[in-house]
């Protein structure tokens, strides 16, 4: 029989994994937006600035997701 603690831990891990997946998805979408800037307009200084801002946001979100994933893996890894 499964203990209630392990049931809740599993649900928490699934919730955490879903949150991490959402962060990776958001990072991918931001990166897509950044690169689409070059398809939709000329490559002037304003476009490069906007690209850098959006790309930085994507990179930050991906870093946040990677850190969360590593922390989650440490929690579930056998000692």
Protein backbone atom coordinates (compact mmCIF):
# COMPACT_ATOMS: atom_id res chain seq x y z
CA UNK A 1 0.00 0.00 0.00
CA UNK A 2 1.27 3.48 -0.84
CA UNK A 3 1.59 5.87 2.07
CA UNK A 4 -0.23 9.23 1.92
CA UNK A 5 3.13 11.00 2.20
CA UNK A 6 4.44 9.41 -0.99
CA UNK A 7 1.17 10.21 -2.80
CA UNK A 8 1.46 13.88 -1.89
CA UNK A 9 5.15 13.97 -2.68
CA UNK A 10 4.41 12.54 -6.13
CA UNK A 11 1.72 15.16 -6.77
CA UNK A 12 4.06 17.92 -5.61
CA UNK A 13 6.78 16.63 -7.92
CA UNK A 14 4.32 16.54 -10.82
CA UNK A 15 3.23 20.10 -10.06
CA UNK A 16 6.85 21.20 -9.91
CA UNK A 17 7.63 19.46 -13.19
CA UNK A 18 4.64 21.15 -14.83
CA UNK A 19 5.82 24.54 -13.54
CA UNK A 20 9.32 23.90 -14.88
CA UNK A 21 7.97 22.77 -18.24
CA UNK A 22 5.93 25.98 -18.42
CA UNK A 23 9.09 28.02 -17.78
CA UNK A 24 10.96 26.24 -20.58
CA UNK A 25 7.97 26.79 -22.88
CA UNK A 26 7.90 30.49 -22.01
CA UNK A 27 11.64 30.78 -22.68
CA UNK A 28 11.20 29.12 -26.08
CA UNK A 29 8.33 31.45 -26.98
CA UNK A 30 10.32 34.53 -25.98
CA UNK A 31 13.26 33.35 -28.06
CA UNK A 32 10.96 32.78 -31.04
CA UNK A 33 9.64 36.32 -30.64
CA UNK A 34 13.18 37.70 -30.49
CA UNK A 35 14.28 36.00 -33.69
CA UNK A 36 11.04 36.86 -35.51
CA UNK A 37 11.91 40.53 -35.07
CA UNK A 38 14.40 40.11 -37.89
CA UNK A 39 11.77 38.63 -40.19
CA UNK A 40 9.31 41.44 -39.67
CA UNK A 41 11.38 44.60 -39.84
CA UNK A 42 14.61 46.20 -40.88
CA UNK A 43 17.70 45.59 -38.80
CA UNK A 44 18.22 49.00 -37.27
CA UNK A 45 19.49 49.89 -33.80
CA UNK A 46 15.98 49.84 -32.32
CA UNK A 47 15.34 46.30 -33.55
CA UNK A 48 18.69 45.13 -32.16
CA UNK A 49 17.88 46.72 -28.80
CA UNK A 50 14.45 45.08 -28.71
CA UNK A 51 15.99 41.76 -29.77
CA UNK A 52 18.55 41.98 -26.95
CA UNK A 53 15.85 42.75 -24.39
CA UNK A 54 13.60 39.88 -25.45
CA UNK A 55 16.52 37.46 -25.87
CA UNK A 56 17.81 38.38 -22.40
CA UNK A 57 14.36 37.69 -20.95
CA UNK A 58 14.31 34.31 -22.72
CA UNK A 59 17.79 33.45 -21.43
CA UNK A 60 16.86 34.47 -17.88
CA UNK A 61 13.69 32.35 -17.99
CA UNK A 62 15.62 29.36 -19.35
CA UNK A 63 18.25 29.76 -16.58
CA UNK A 64 15.47 29.92 -13.98
CA UNK A 65 13.92 26.76 -15.42
CA UNK A 66 17.27 24.93 -15.48
CA UNK A 67 17.97 25.83 -11.86
CA UNK A 68 14.50 24.72 -10.79
CA UNK A 69 14.93 21.45 -12.70
CA UNK A 70 18.32 20.79 -11.09
CA UNK A 71 16.90 21.53 -7.63
CA UNK A 72 13.99 19.18 -8.26
CA UNK A 73 16.33 16.44 -9.48
CA UNK A 74 18.45 16.81 -6.32
CA UNK A 75 15.33 16.36 -4.17
CA UNK A 76 14.23 13.16 -5.89
CA UNK A 77 17.68 11.63 -6.47
CA UNK A 78 18.60 8.81 -4.10
CA UNK A 79 21.09 9.77 -1.43
